Amino acid sequence: MSVLKNVVMLTGRLGSTPESTKLENGKRVVNLSIATSETYLDKDNQKQTITDWHNIVFWDGVADLVEKYCNKGDKVSIMGKLKHSSYEKDGVTTYRTFVLVKEIEFHTPPPSSENA
């Protein structure tokens, strides 16, 4: 029997400086986007770059780490799972796809204490 997996791994740059929100139940969440890009040569042999933006959600301890150590433009790698949600407002249903992050790796070094 094969195992079915929902695993997403991305390396990209943060689209904004993370700010966590504390919910009524005491949990913390950070919602932001990560940009990834790929480069290819078009039919005229010209270099083209495509940038994709991914909605990312960090919860609890991971949210605290991201808020403490990350800034807009920082390069990170994340691993998580793809999730979908929907909500209805004024009779219109909105659908959202995002990556629920389990692990993060920081690629941008933190500022040194000498420069702070």
PDB file of N, CA and C in Angstrom:
ATOM      1  N   MET A   1       0.843  -1.185   0.000  1.00  0.00           N
ATOM      2  CA  MET A   1       0.000   0.000   0.000  1.00  0.00           C
ATOM      3  C   MET A   1       0.885   1.243   0.000  1.00  0.00           C
ATOM      4  N   SER A   2       0.576   2.197  -0.840  1.00  0.00           N
ATOM      5  CA  SER A   2       1.366   3.423  -0.900  1.00  0.00           C
ATOM      6  C   SER A   2       0.853   4.441   0.117  1.00  0.00           C
ATOM      7  N   VAL A   3       1.746   5.292   0.535  1.00  0.00           N
ATOM      8  CA  VAL A   3       1.412   6.351   1.478  1.00  0.00           C
ATOM      9  C   VAL A   3       1.195   7.635   0.694  1.00  0.00           C
ATOM     10  N   LEU A   4       0.109   8.303   0.949  1.00  0.00           N
ATOM     11  CA  LEU A   4      -0.179   9.585   0.306  1.00  0.00           C
ATOM     12  C   LEU A   4       0.312  10.696   1.218  1.00  0.00           C
ATOM     13  N   LYS A   5       1.009  11.683   0.666  1.00  0.00           N
ATOM     14  CA  LYS A   5       1.611  12.739   1.476  1.00  0.00           C
ATOM     15  C   LYS A   5       1.203  14.117   0.980  1.00  0.00           C
ATOM     16  N   ASN A   6       1.100  15.029   1.908  1.00  0.00           N
ATOM     17  CA  ASN A   6       0.845  16.428   1.632  1.00  0.00           C
ATOM     18  C   ASN A   6       2.023  17.194   2.225  1.00  0.00           C
ATOM     19  N   VAL A   7       3.063  17.423   1.420  1.00  0.00           N
ATOM     20  CA  VAL A   7       4.266  18.094   1.882  1.00  0.00           C
ATOM     21  C   VAL A   7       4.616  19.203   0.892  1.00  0.00           C
ATOM     22  N   VAL A   8       4.871  20.391   1.427  1.00  0.00           N
ATOM     23  CA  VAL A   8       5.275  21.532   0.609  1.00  0.00           C
ATOM     24  C   VAL A   8       6.599  22.053   1.151  1.00  0.00           C
ATOM     25  N   MET A   9       7.555  22.257   0.250  1.00  0.00           N
ATOM     26  CA  MET A   9       8.840  22.838   0.616  1.00  0.00           C
ATOM     27  C   MET A   9       9.105  24.014  -0.313  1.00  0.00           C
ATOM     28  N   LEU A  10       9.369  25.175   0.273  1.00  0.00           N
ATOM     29  CA  LEU A  10       9.629  26.381  -0.507  1.00  0.00           C
ATOM     30  C   LEU A  10      10.845  27.101   0.046  1.00  0.00           C
ATOM     31  N   THR A  11      11.620  27.707  -0.836  1.00  0.00           N
ATOM     32  CA  THR A  11      12.673  28.630  -0.442  1.00  0.00           C
ATOM     33  C   THR A  11      12.405  29.925  -1.171  1.00  0.00           C
ATOM     34  N   GLY A  12      12.281  31.000  -0.404  1.00  0.00           N
ATOM     35  CA  GLY A  12      11.964  32.282  -1.015  1.00  0.00           C
ATOM     36  C   GLY A  12      12.206  33.431  -0.072  1.00  0.00           C
ATOM     37  N   ARG A  13      11.675  34.577  -0.435  1.00  0.00           N
ATOM     38  CA  ARG A  13      11.859  35.792   0.369  1.00  0.00           C
ATOM     39  C   ARG A  13      10.517  36.260   0.926  1.00  0.00           C
ATOM     40  N   LEU A  14      10.556  36.722   2.170  1.00  0.00           N
ATOM     41  CA  LEU A  14       9.339  37.187   2.841  1.00  0.00           C
ATOM     42  C   LEU A  14       8.835  38.465   2.197  1.00  0.00           C
ATOM     43  N   GLY A  15       7.532  38.526   1.980  1.00  0.00           N
ATOM     44  CA  GLY A  15       6.918  39.678   1.333  1.00  0.00           C
ATOM     45  C   GLY A  15       6.615  40.834   2.264  1.00  0.00           C
ATOM     46  N   SER A  16       6.701  40.604   3.570  1.00  0.00           N
ATOM     47  CA  SER A  16       6.455  41.668   4.544  1.00  0.00           C
ATOM     48  C   SER A  16       7.136  41.302   5.857  1.00  0.00           C
ATOM     49  N   THR A  17       7.261  42.283   6.741  1.00  0.00           N
ATOM     50  CA  THR A  17       7.796  42.012   8.064  1.00  0.00           C
ATOM     51  C   THR A  17       6.711  41.323   8.874  1.00  0.00           C
ATOM     52  N   PRO A  18       7.011  40.162   9.455  1.00  0.00           N
ATOM     53  CA  PRO A  18       5.987  39.398  10.179  1.00  0.00           C
ATOM     54  C   PRO A  18       5.481  40.127  11.425  1.00  0.00           C
ATOM     55  N   GLU A  19       4.168  40.077  11.609  1.00  0.00           N
ATOM     56  CA  GLU A  19       3.529  40.575  12.824  1.00  0.00           C
ATOM     57  C   GLU A  19       2.540  39.514  13.265  1.00  0.00           C
ATOM     58  N   SER A  20       2.702  39.055  14.501  1.00  0.00           N
ATOM     59  CA  SER A  20       1.796  38.009  14.971  1.00  0.00           C
ATOM     60  C   SER A  20       0.527  38.623  15.539  1.00  0.00           C
ATOM     61  N   THR A  21      -0.532  37.832  15.493  1.00  0.00           N
ATOM     62  CA  THR A  21      -1.808  38.199  16.071  1.00  0.00           C
ATOM     63  C   THR A  21      -2.116  37.189  17.158  1.00  0.00           C
ATOM     64  N   LYS A  22      -2.496  37.686  18.328  1.00  0.00           N
ATOM     65  CA  LYS A  22      -2.877  36.789  19.413  1.00  0.00           C
ATOM     66  C   LYS A  22      -4.394  36.613  19.372  1.00  0.00           C
ATOM     67  N   LEU A  23      -4.814  35.368  19.245  1.00  0.00           N
ATOM     68  CA  LEU A  23      -6.236  35.058  19.154  1.00  0.00           C
ATOM     69  C   LEU A  23      -6.849  34.949  20.545  1.00  0.00           C
ATOM     70  N   GLU A  24      -8.173  34.922  20.610  1.00  0.00           N
ATOM     71  CA  GLU A  24      -8.883  34.837  21.885  1.00  0.00           C
ATOM     72  C   GLU A  24      -8.486  33.606  22.692  1.00  0.00           C
ATOM     73  N   ASN A  25      -8.149  32.515  22.000  1.00  0.00           N
ATOM     74  CA  ASN A  25      -7.777  31.288  22.701  1.00  0.00           C
ATOM     75  C   ASN A  25      -6.313  31.294  23.163  1.00  0.00           C
ATOM     76  N   GLY A  26      -5.604  32.416  22.946  1.00  0.00           N
ATOM     77  CA  GLY A  26      -4.227  32.550  23.405  1.00  0.00           C
ATOM     78  C   GLY A  26      -3.190  32.146  22.380  1.00  0.00           C
ATOM     79  N   LYS A  27      -3.600  31.513  21.288  1.00  0.00           N
ATOM     80  CA  LYS A  27      -2.641  31.095  20.254  1.00  0.00           C
ATOM     81  C   LYS A  27      -2.190  32.306  19.449  1.00  0.00           C
ATOM     82  N   ARG A  28      -0.975  32.200  18.901  1.00  0.00           N
ATOM     83  CA  ARG A  28      -0.419  33.256  18.064  1.00  0.00           C
ATOM     84  C   ARG A  28      -0.338  32.762  16.626  1.00  0.00           C
ATOM     85  N   VAL A  29      -0.600  33.664  15.686  1.00  0.00           N
ATOM     86  CA  VAL A  29      -0.555  33.318  14.264  1.00  0.00           C
ATOM     87  C   VAL A  29       0.098  34.460  13.493  1.00  0.00           C
ATOM     88  N   VAL A  30       0.881  34.088  12.487  1.00  0.00           N
ATOM     89  CA  VAL A  30       1.464  35.049  11.549  1.00  0.00           C
ATOM     90  C   VAL A  30       1.028  34.625  10.156  1.00  0.00           C
ATOM     91  N   ASN A  31       0.421  35.545   9.412  1.00  0.00           N
ATOM     92  CA  ASN A  31       0.044  35.335   8.014  1.00  0.00           C
ATOM     93  C   ASN A  31       0.903  36.265   7.168  1.00  0.00           C
ATOM     94  N   LEU A  32       1.571  35.709   6.177  1.00  0.00           N
ATOM     95  CA  LEU A  32       2.321  36.540   5.247  1.00  0.00           C
ATOM     96  C   LEU A  32       2.522  35.797   3.941  1.00  0.00           C
ATOM     97  N   SER A  33       3.280  36.384   3.058  1.00  0.00           N
ATOM     98  CA  SER A  33       3.526  35.740   1.773  1.00  0.00           C
ATOM     99  C   SER A  33       5.027  35.571   1.561  1.00  0.00           C
ATOM    100  N   ILE A  34       5.359  34.562   0.764  1.00  0.00           N
ATOM    101  CA  ILE A  34       6.736  34.305   0.387  1.00  0.00           C
ATOM    102  C   ILE A  34       6.797  34.302  -1.139  1.00  0.00           C
ATOM    103  N   ALA A  35       7.806  34.982  -1.666  1.00  0.00           N
ATOM    104  CA  ALA A  35       8.014  35.028  -3.111  1.00  0.00           C
ATOM    105  C   ALA A  35       9.058  33.995  -3.516  1.00  0.00           C
ATOM    106  N   THR A  36       8.728  33.214  -4.529  1.00  0.00           N
ATOM    107  CA  THR A  36       9.694  32.310  -5.146  1.00  0.00           C
ATOM    108  C   THR A  36       9.787  32.709  -6.611  1.00  0.00           C
ATOM    109  N   SER A  37      10.909  32.370  -7.231  1.00  0.00           N
ATOM    110  CA  SER A  37      11.041  32.723  -8.646  1.00  0.00           C
ATOM    111  C   SER A  37      11.801  31.649  -9.388  1.00  0.00           C
ATOM    112  N   GLU A  38      11.550  31.598 -10.681  1.00  0.00           N
ATOM    113  CA  GLU A  38      12.299  30.706 -11.567  1.00  0.00           C
ATOM    114  C   GLU A  38      12.647  31.480 -12.819  1.00  0.00           C
ATOM    115  N   THR A  39      13.771  31.121 -13.397  1.00  0.00           N
ATOM    116  CA  THR A  39      14.274  31.805 -14.574  1.00  0.00           C
ATOM    117  C   THR A  39      14.367  30.820 -15.734  1.00  0.00           C
ATOM    118  N   TYR A  40      14.046  31.307 -16.915  1.00  0.00           N
ATOM    119  CA  TYR A  40      14.123  30.471 -18.117  1.00  0.00           C
ATOM    120  C   TYR A  40      14.479  31.354 -19.309  1.00  0.00           C
ATOM    121  N   LEU A  41      14.856  30.710 -20.402  1.00  0.00           N
ATOM    122  CA  LEU A  41      15.121  31.423 -21.644  1.00  0.00           C
ATOM    123  C   LEU A  41      13.904  31.307 -22.550  1.00  0.00           C
ATOM    124  N   ASP A  42      13.430  32.444 -23.057  1.00  0.00           N
ATOM    125  CA  ASP A  42      12.264  32.422 -23.933  1.00  0.00           C
ATOM    126  C   ASP A  42      12.687  32.035 -25.353  1.00  0.00           C
ATOM    127  N   LYS A  43      11.730  32.075 -26.298  1.00  0.00           N
ATOM    128  CA  LYS A  43      11.995  31.635 -27.674  1.00  0.00           C
ATOM    129  C   LYS A  43      13.048  32.489 -28.377  1.00  0.00           C
ATOM    130  N   ASP A  44      13.246  33.738 -27.879  1.00  0.00           N
ATOM    131  CA  ASP A  44      14.261  34.624 -28.440  1.00  0.00           C
ATOM    132  C   ASP A  44      15.572  34.553 -27.665  1.00  0.00           C
ATOM    133  N   ASN A  45      15.682  33.531 -26.816  1.00  0.00           N
ATOM    134  CA  ASN A  45      16.871  33.305 -26.000  1.00  0.00           C
ATOM    135  C   ASN A  45      17.133  34.441 -25.004  1.00  0.00           C
ATOM    136  N   GLN A  46      16.048  35.092 -24.598  1.00  0.00           N
ATOM    137  CA  GLN A  46      16.140  36.149 -23.594  1.00  0.00           C
ATOM    138  C   GLN A  46      15.769  35.569 -22.224  1.00  0.00           C
ATOM    139  N   LYS A  47      16.498  35.971 -21.221  1.00  0.00           N
ATOM    140  CA  LYS A  47      16.261  35.498 -19.859  1.00  0.00           C
ATOM    141  C   LYS A  47      14.961  36.103 -19.311  1.00  0.00           C
ATOM    142  N   GLN A  48      14.081  35.256 -18.827  1.00  0.00           N
ATOM    143  CA  GLN A  48      12.808  35.686 -18.245  1.00  0.00           C
ATOM    144  C   GLN A  48      12.709  35.121 -16.823  1.00  0.00           C
ATOM    145  N   THR A  49      12.102  35.888 -15.934  1.00  0.00           N
ATOM    146  CA  THR A  49      11.910  35.438 -14.554  1.00  0.00           C
ATOM    147  C   THR A  49      10.436  35.509 -14.212  1.00  0.00           C
ATOM    148  N   ILE A  50       9.940  34.437 -13.620  1.00  0.00           N
ATOM    149  CA  ILE A  50       8.561  34.384 -13.141  1.00  0.00           C
ATOM    150  C   ILE A  50       8.602  34.334 -11.617  1.00  0.00           C
ATOM    151  N   THR A  51       7.860  35.231 -10.989  1.00  0.00           N
ATOM    152  CA  THR A  51       7.770  35.240  -9.528  1.00  0.00           C
ATOM    153  C   THR A  51       6.382  34.793  -9.118  1.00  0.00           C
ATOM    154  N   ASP A  52       6.325  33.849  -8.190  1.00  0.00           N
ATOM    155  CA  ASP A  52       5.058  33.389  -7.614  1.00  0.00           C
ATOM    156  C   ASP A  52       5.009  33.790  -6.147  1.00  0.00           C
ATOM    157  N   TRP A  53       3.820  34.176  -5.689  1.00  0.00           N
ATOM    158  CA  TRP A  53       3.603  34.547  -4.292  1.00  0.00           C
ATOM    159  C   TRP A  53       2.764  33.466  -3.631  1.00  0.00           C
ATOM    160  N   HIS A  54       3.210  33.017  -2.479  1.00  0.00           N
ATOM    161  CA  HIS A  54       2.552  31.932  -1.750  1.00  0.00           C
ATOM    162  C   HIS A  54       2.080  32.439  -0.394  1.00  0.00           C
ATOM    163  N   ASN A  55       0.826  32.160  -0.059  1.00  0.00           N
ATOM    164  CA  ASN A  55       0.296  32.513   1.249  1.00  0.00           C
ATOM    165  C   ASN A  55       0.809  31.509   2.276  1.00  0.00           C
ATOM    166  N   ILE A  56       1.332  32.025   3.382  1.00  0.00           N
ATOM    167  CA  ILE A  56       1.968  31.202   4.395  1.00  0.00           C
ATOM    168  C   ILE A  56       1.355  31.514   5.754  1.00  0.00           C
ATOM    169  N   VAL A  57       1.156  30.464   6.567  1.00  0.00           N
ATOM    170  CA  VAL A  57       0.625  30.638   7.918  1.00  0.00           C
ATOM    171  C   VAL A  57       1.553  29.942   8.909  1.00  0.00           C
ATOM    172  N   PHE A  58       1.961  30.690   9.926  1.00  0.00           N
ATOM    173  CA  PHE A  58       2.794  30.172  11.011  1.00  0.00           C
ATOM    174  C   PHE A  58       1.973  30.226  12.300  1.00  0.00           C
ATOM    175  N   TRP A  59       2.021  29.185  13.120  1.00  0.00           N
ATOM    176  CA  TRP A  59       1.291  29.134  14.382  1.00  0.00           C
ATOM    177  C   TRP A  59       2.241  29.013  15.563  1.00  0.00           C
ATOM    178  N   ASP A  60       1.824  29.534  16.683  1.00  0.00           N
ATOM    179  CA  ASP A  60       2.450  29.359  17.998  1.00  0.00           C
ATOM    180  C   ASP A  60       3.956  29.593  18.001  1.00  0.00           C
ATOM    181  N   GLY A  61       4.748  28.571  18.369  1.00  0.00           N
ATOM    182  CA  GLY A  61       6.190  28.745  18.525  1.00  0.00           C
ATOM    183  C   GLY A  61       6.874  29.168  17.248  1.00  0.00           C
ATOM    184  N   VAL A  62       6.459  28.607  16.122  1.00  0.00           N
ATOM    185  CA  VAL A  62       7.057  28.995  14.841  1.00  0.00           C
ATOM    186  C   VAL A  62       6.703  30.452  14.534  1.00  0.00           C
ATOM    187  N   ALA A  63       5.479  30.861  14.860  1.00  0.00           N
ATOM    188  CA  ALA A  63       5.068  32.253  14.659  1.00  0.00           C
ATOM    189  C   ALA A  63       5.934  33.190  15.493  1.00  0.00           C
ATOM    190  N   ASP A  64       6.218  32.801  16.735  1.00  0.00           N
ATOM    191  CA  ASP A  64       7.068  33.630  17.596  1.00  0.00           C
ATOM    192  C   ASP A  64       8.472  33.770  17.019  1.00  0.00           C
ATOM    193  N   LEU A  65       9.041  32.660  16.513  1.00  0.00           N
ATOM    194  CA  LEU A  65      10.382  32.700  15.910  1.00  0.00           C
ATOM    195  C   LEU A  65      10.417  33.622  14.701  1.00  0.00           C
ATOM    196  N   VAL A  66       9.422  33.487  13.851  1.00  0.00           N
ATOM    197  CA  VAL A  66       9.366  34.296  12.631  1.00  0.00           C
ATOM    198  C   VAL A  66       9.247  35.774  12.977  1.00  0.00           C
ATOM    199  N   GLU A  67       8.377  36.091  13.926  1.00  0.00           N
ATOM    200  CA  GLU A  67       8.199  37.492  14.306  1.00  0.00           C
ATOM    201  C   GLU A  67       9.483  38.063  14.919  1.00  0.00           C
ATOM    202  N   LYS A  68      10.187  37.254  15.691  1.00  0.00           N
ATOM    203  CA  LYS A  68      11.388  37.717  16.387  1.00  0.00           C
ATOM    204  C   LYS A  68      12.595  37.874  15.464  1.00  0.00           C
ATOM    205  N   TYR A  69      12.762  36.946  14.512  1.00  0.00           N
ATOM    206  CA  TYR A  69      13.997  36.888  13.747  1.00  0.00           C
ATOM    207  C   TYR A  69      13.895  37.273  12.272  1.00  0.00           C
ATOM    208  N   CYS A  70      12.709  37.494  11.740  1.00  0.00           N
ATOM    209  CA  CYS A  70      12.562  37.729  10.299  1.00  0.00           C
ATOM    210  C   CYS A  70      12.103  39.140   9.987  1.00  0.00           C
ATOM    211  N   ASN A  71      12.506  39.597   8.815  1.00  0.00           N
ATOM    212  CA  ASN A  71      12.084  40.890   8.285  1.00  0.00           C
ATOM    213  C   ASN A  71      11.738  40.732   6.816  1.00  0.00           C
ATOM    214  N   LYS A  72      11.046  41.724   6.294  1.00  0.00           N
ATOM    215  CA  LYS A  72      10.701  41.742   4.876  1.00  0.00           C
ATOM    216  C   LYS A  72      11.960  41.535   4.037  1.00  0.00           C
ATOM    217  N   GLY A  73      11.876  40.648   3.042  1.00  0.00           N
ATOM    218  CA  GLY A  73      12.992  40.403   2.143  1.00  0.00           C
ATOM    219  C   GLY A  73      13.932  39.304   2.591  1.00  0.00           C
ATOM    220  N   ASP A  74      13.812  38.846   3.839  1.00  0.00           N
ATOM    221  CA  ASP A  74      14.686  37.774   4.318  1.00  0.00           C
ATOM    222  C   ASP A  74      14.429  36.489   3.551  1.00  0.00           C
ATOM    223  N   LYS A  75      15.494  35.746   3.309  1.00  0.00           N
ATOM    224  CA  LYS A  75      15.386  34.456   2.621  1.00  0.00           C
ATOM    225  C   LYS A  75      15.189  33.356   3.661  1.00  0.00           C
ATOM    226  N   VAL A  76      14.169  32.523   3.442  1.00  0.00           N
ATOM    227  CA  VAL A  76      13.867  31.415   4.343  1.00  0.00           C
ATOM    228  C   VAL A  76      13.483  30.187   3.523  1.00  0.00           C
ATOM    229  N   SER A  77      13.629  29.032   4.139  1.00  0.00           N
ATOM    230  CA  SER A  77      13.072  27.792   3.598  1.00  0.00           C
ATOM    231  C   SER A  77      12.015  27.326   4.578  1.00  0.00           C
ATOM    232  N   ILE A  78      10.892  26.867   4.054  1.00  0.00           N
ATOM    233  CA  ILE A  78       9.828  26.378   4.917  1.00  0.00           C
ATOM    234  C   ILE A  78       9.407  24.988   4.470  1.00  0.00           C
ATOM    235  N   MET A  79       8.884  24.242   5.418  1.00  0.00           N
ATOM    236  CA  MET A  79       8.276  22.962   5.109  1.00  0.00           C
ATOM    237  C   MET A  79       6.962  22.912   5.856  1.00  0.00           C
ATOM    238  N   GLY A  80       5.927  22.460   5.171  1.00  0.00           N
ATOM    239  CA  GLY A  80       4.616  22.367   5.784  1.00  0.00           C
ATOM    240  C   GLY A  80       3.682  21.575   4.899  1.00  0.00           C
ATOM    241  N   LYS A  81       2.404  21.873   5.034  1.00  0.00           N
ATOM    242  CA  LYS A  81       1.415  21.175   4.213  1.00  0.00           C
ATOM    243  C   LYS A  81       0.456  22.178   3.600  1.00  0.00           C
ATOM    244  N   LEU A  82      -0.066  21.825   2.446  1.00  0.00           N
ATOM    245  CA  LEU A  82      -1.012  22.658   1.723  1.00  0.00           C
ATOM    246  C   LEU A  82      -2.383  22.519   2.354  1.00  0.00           C
ATOM    247  N   LYS A  83      -3.020  23.657   2.635  1.00  0.00           N
ATOM    248  CA  LYS A  83      -4.346  23.664   3.258  1.00  0.00           C
ATOM    249  C   LYS A  83      -5.265  24.588   2.459  1.00  0.00           C
ATOM    250  N   HIS A  84      -6.545  24.335   2.595  1.00  0.00           N
ATOM    251  CA  HIS A  84      -7.566  25.151   1.930  1.00  0.00           C
ATOM    252  C   HIS A  84      -8.599  25.569   2.963  1.00  0.00           C
ATOM    253  N   SER A  85      -9.126  26.766   2.805  1.00  0.00           N
ATOM    254  CA  SER A  85     -10.208  27.223   3.674  1.00  0.00           C
ATOM    255  C   SER A  85     -11.147  28.097   2.847  1.00  0.00           C
ATOM    256  N   SER A  86     -12.302  28.340   3.407  1.00  0.00           N
ATOM    257  CA  SER A  86     -13.267  29.228   2.748  1.00  0.00           C
ATOM    258  C   SER A  86     -14.097  29.917   3.817  1.00  0.00           C
ATOM    259  N   TYR A  87     -14.625  31.075   3.447  1.00  0.00           N
ATOM    260  CA  TYR A  87     -15.547  31.786   4.323  1.00  0.00           C
ATOM    261  C   TYR A  87     -16.534  32.546   3.449  1.00  0.00           C
ATOM    262  N   GLU A  88     -17.663  32.856   4.043  1.00  0.00           N
ATOM    263  CA  GLU A  88     -18.700  33.574   3.311  1.00  0.00           C
ATOM    264  C   GLU A  88     -18.934  34.922   3.969  1.00  0.00           C
ATOM    265  N   LYS A  89     -18.992  35.961   3.142  1.00  0.00           N
ATOM    266  CA  LYS A  89     -19.261  37.314   3.620  1.00  0.00           C
ATOM    267  C   LYS A  89     -20.165  37.993   2.615  1.00  0.00           C
ATOM    268  N   ASP A  90     -21.263  38.512   3.074  1.00  0.00           N
ATOM    269  CA  ASP A  90     -22.232  39.201   2.213  1.00  0.00           C
ATOM    270  C   ASP A  90     -22.672  38.325   1.044  1.00  0.00           C
ATOM    271  N   GLY A  91     -22.812  37.031   1.301  1.00  0.00           N
ATOM    272  CA  GLY A  91     -23.282  36.103   0.290  1.00  0.00           C
ATOM    273  C   GLY A  91     -22.240  35.667  -0.729  1.00  0.00           C
ATOM    274  N   VAL A  92     -20.991  36.108  -0.529  1.00  0.00           N
ATOM    275  CA  VAL A  92     -19.909  35.746  -1.445  1.00  0.00           C
ATOM    276  C   VAL A  92     -18.940  34.818  -0.720  1.00  0.00           C
ATOM    277  N   THR A  93     -18.687  33.663  -1.322  1.00  0.00           N
ATOM    278  CA  THR A  93     -17.749  32.716  -0.739  1.00  0.00           C
ATOM    279  C   THR A  93     -16.352  32.989  -1.279  1.00  0.00           C
ATOM    280  N   THR A  94     -15.403  33.114  -0.353  1.00  0.00           N
ATOM    281  CA  THR A  94     -14.006  33.340  -0.705  1.00  0.00           C
ATOM    282  C   THR A  94     -13.217  32.097  -0.324  1.00  0.00           C
ATOM    283  N   TYR A  95     -12.393  31.637  -1.271  1.00  0.00           N
ATOM    284  CA  TYR A  95     -11.569  30.455  -1.044  1.00  0.00           C
ATOM    285  C   TYR A  95     -10.119  30.890  -0.902  1.00  0.00           C
ATOM    286  N   ARG A  96      -9.392  30.192  -0.052  1.00  0.00           N
ATOM    287  CA  ARG A  96      -7.998  30.532   0.213  1.00  0.00           C
ATOM    288  C   ARG A  96      -7.167  29.254   0.271  1.00  0.00           C
ATOM    289  N   THR A  97      -6.031  29.260  -0.384  1.00  0.00           N
ATOM    290  CA  THR A  97      -5.071  28.159  -0.316  1.00  0.00           C
ATOM    291  C   THR A  97      -3.806  28.713   0.317  1.00  0.00           C
ATOM    292  N   PHE A  98      -3.239  27.965   1.262  1.00  0.00           N
ATOM    293  CA  PHE A  98      -2.051  28.440   1.964  1.00  0.00           C
ATOM    294  C   PHE A  98      -1.199  27.262   2.404  1.00  0.00           C
ATOM    295  N   VAL A  99       0.028  27.566   2.808  1.00  0.00           N
ATOM    296  CA  VAL A  99       0.929  26.565   3.355  1.00  0.00           C
ATOM    297  C   VAL A  99       0.947  26.743   4.864  1.00  0.00           C
ATOM    298  N   LEU A 100       0.597  25.696   5.579  1.00  0.00           N
ATOM    299  CA  LEU A 100       0.662  25.676   7.038  1.00  0.00           C
ATOM    300  C   LEU A 100       2.056  25.174   7.407  1.00  0.00           C
ATOM    301  N   VAL A 101       2.875  26.049   7.957  1.00  0.00           N
ATOM    302  CA  VAL A 101       4.287  25.763   8.173  1.00  0.00           C
ATOM    303  C   VAL A 101       4.515  24.966   9.453  1.00  0.00           C
ATOM    304  N   LYS A 102       5.339  23.928   9.326  1.00  0.00           N
ATOM    305  CA  LYS A 102       5.768  23.136  10.478  1.00  0.00           C
ATOM    306  C   LYS A 102       7.210  23.451  10.849  1.00  0.00           C
ATOM    307  N   GLU A 103       8.051  23.715   9.826  1.00  0.00           N
ATOM    308  CA  GLU A 103       9.470  23.970  10.053  1.00  0.00           C
ATOM    309  C   GLU A 103       9.925  25.154   9.218  1.00  0.00           C
ATOM    310  N   ILE A 104      10.893  25.887   9.758  1.00  0.00           N
ATOM    311  CA  ILE A 104      11.475  27.014   9.022  1.00  0.00           C
ATOM    312  C   ILE A 104      12.977  26.985   9.205  1.00  0.00           C
ATOM    313  N   GLU A 105      13.696  27.365   8.138  1.00  0.00           N
ATOM    314  CA  GLU A 105      15.149  27.502   8.183  1.00  0.00           C
ATOM    315  C   GLU A 105      15.467  28.916   7.723  1.00  0.00           C
ATOM    316  N   PHE A 106      16.274  29.620   8.501  1.00  0.00           N
ATOM    317  CA  PHE A 106      16.633  30.995   8.193  1.00  0.00           C
ATOM    318  C   PHE A 106      17.909  31.015   7.359  1.00  0.00           C
ATOM    319  N   HIS A 107      17.899  31.756   6.251  1.00  0.00           N
ATOM    320  CA  HIS A 107      19.081  31.880   5.403  1.00  0.00           C
ATOM    321  C   HIS A 107      19.730  33.255   5.520  1.00  0.00           C
ATOM    322  N   THR A 108      18.996  34.226   6.014  1.00  0.00           N
ATOM    323  CA  THR A 108      19.529  35.572   6.197  1.00  0.00           C
ATOM    324  C   THR A 108      20.103  35.655   7.599  1.00  0.00           C
ATOM    325  N   PRO A 109      21.394  35.972   7.728  1.00  0.00           N
ATOM    326  CA  PRO A 109      21.976  36.023   9.071  1.00  0.00           C
ATOM    327  C   PRO A 109      21.375  37.160   9.888  1.00  0.00           C
ATOM    328  N   PRO A 110      21.223  36.939  11.192  1.00  0.00           N
ATOM    329  CA  PRO A 110      20.690  38.020  12.035  1.00  0.00           C
ATOM    330  C   PRO A 110      21.703  39.162  12.126  1.00  0.00           C
ATOM    331  N   PRO A 111      21.218  40.378  12.394  1.00  0.00           N
ATOM    332  CA  PRO A 111      22.163  41.489  12.512  1.00  0.00           C
ATOM    333  C   PRO A 111      23.120  41.233  13.672  1.00  0.00           C
ATOM    334  N   SER A 112      24.392  41.584  13.480  1.00  0.00           N
ATOM    335  CA  SER A 112      25.367  41.378  14.554  1.00  0.00           C
ATOM    336  C   SER A 112      25.160  42.408  15.644  1.00  0.00           C
ATOM    337  N   SER A 113      25.606  42.076  16.844  1.00  0.00           N
ATOM    338  CA  SER A 113      25.440  42.986  17.970  1.00  0.00           C
ATOM    339  C   SER A 113      26.280  44.240  17.783  1.00  0.00           C
ATOM    340  N   GLU A 114      27.359  44.152  16.958  1.00  0.00           N
ATOM    341  CA  GLU A 114      28.189  45.330  16.704  1.00  0.00           C
ATOM    342  C   GLU A 114      27.449  46.373  15.882  1.00  0.00           C
ATOM    343  N   ASN A 115      26.555  45.911  14.970  1.00  0.00           N
ATOM    344  CA  ASN A 115      25.823  46.843  14.104  1.00  0.00           C
ATOM    345  C   ASN A 115      24.528  47.320  14.729  1.00  0.00           C
ATOM    346  N   ALA A 116      24.113  46.704  15.813  1.00  0.00           N
ATOM    347  CA  ALA A 116      22.831  47.053  16.436  1.00  0.00           C
ATOM    348  C   ALA A 116      22.932  48.328  17.212  1.00  0.00           C
TER     349      ALA A 116
END
